[in-house]
Amino acid sequence: TSTTVRGLNASTRYLFRVRASVQGLGDWSNTVEETTLGLQSASPVQESRVAEDGLDQQLVLAVVGSVSATCLTILAALLALVCIRRSCLHRRHTFTYQSGSGEETILQFSSGTLTLTRRPKPQPEPLSYPVLE
């Protein structure tokens, strides 16, 4: 609800209270204090706007609920990213293959580092056969 009050004195403090009269006389509202500005024009005008308490409370609850839902969504997404990253970083992948040079080559990936190691293949001991005469 808004109203414009005309014919007020400059630099003066006013106290306003209103009450509804659509379905009989209602209760008086809370007191609203307004002060007019200095002499800027010939007839100072002060416009006052009184919002209903119920609407203010609903608006505050809607804003708080929206901000809370947004924060919870962001926190859940960050938690999911941290869990995924941890599971990927702690997992070790080891690949082994035989190279053609007779060495065992191990390619190992761990925590973003790629390591290539070559181990010489163990040579079998030569067999000696007895000589038959």
Foldseek 3Di string as FASTA:
>chain_A
DKDKDWQDAAQDKDKDWDFDCPPHTGDIDDIDIDTWHHPPDPITIDIDDDDDPVVVVVVVVVVVVVVVVVVVVVVVVVVVVVVVVVVVQQDKDKDWDADPVQWTWIWIDHRRDTDIDIHHDDDDDDDDDDDDD
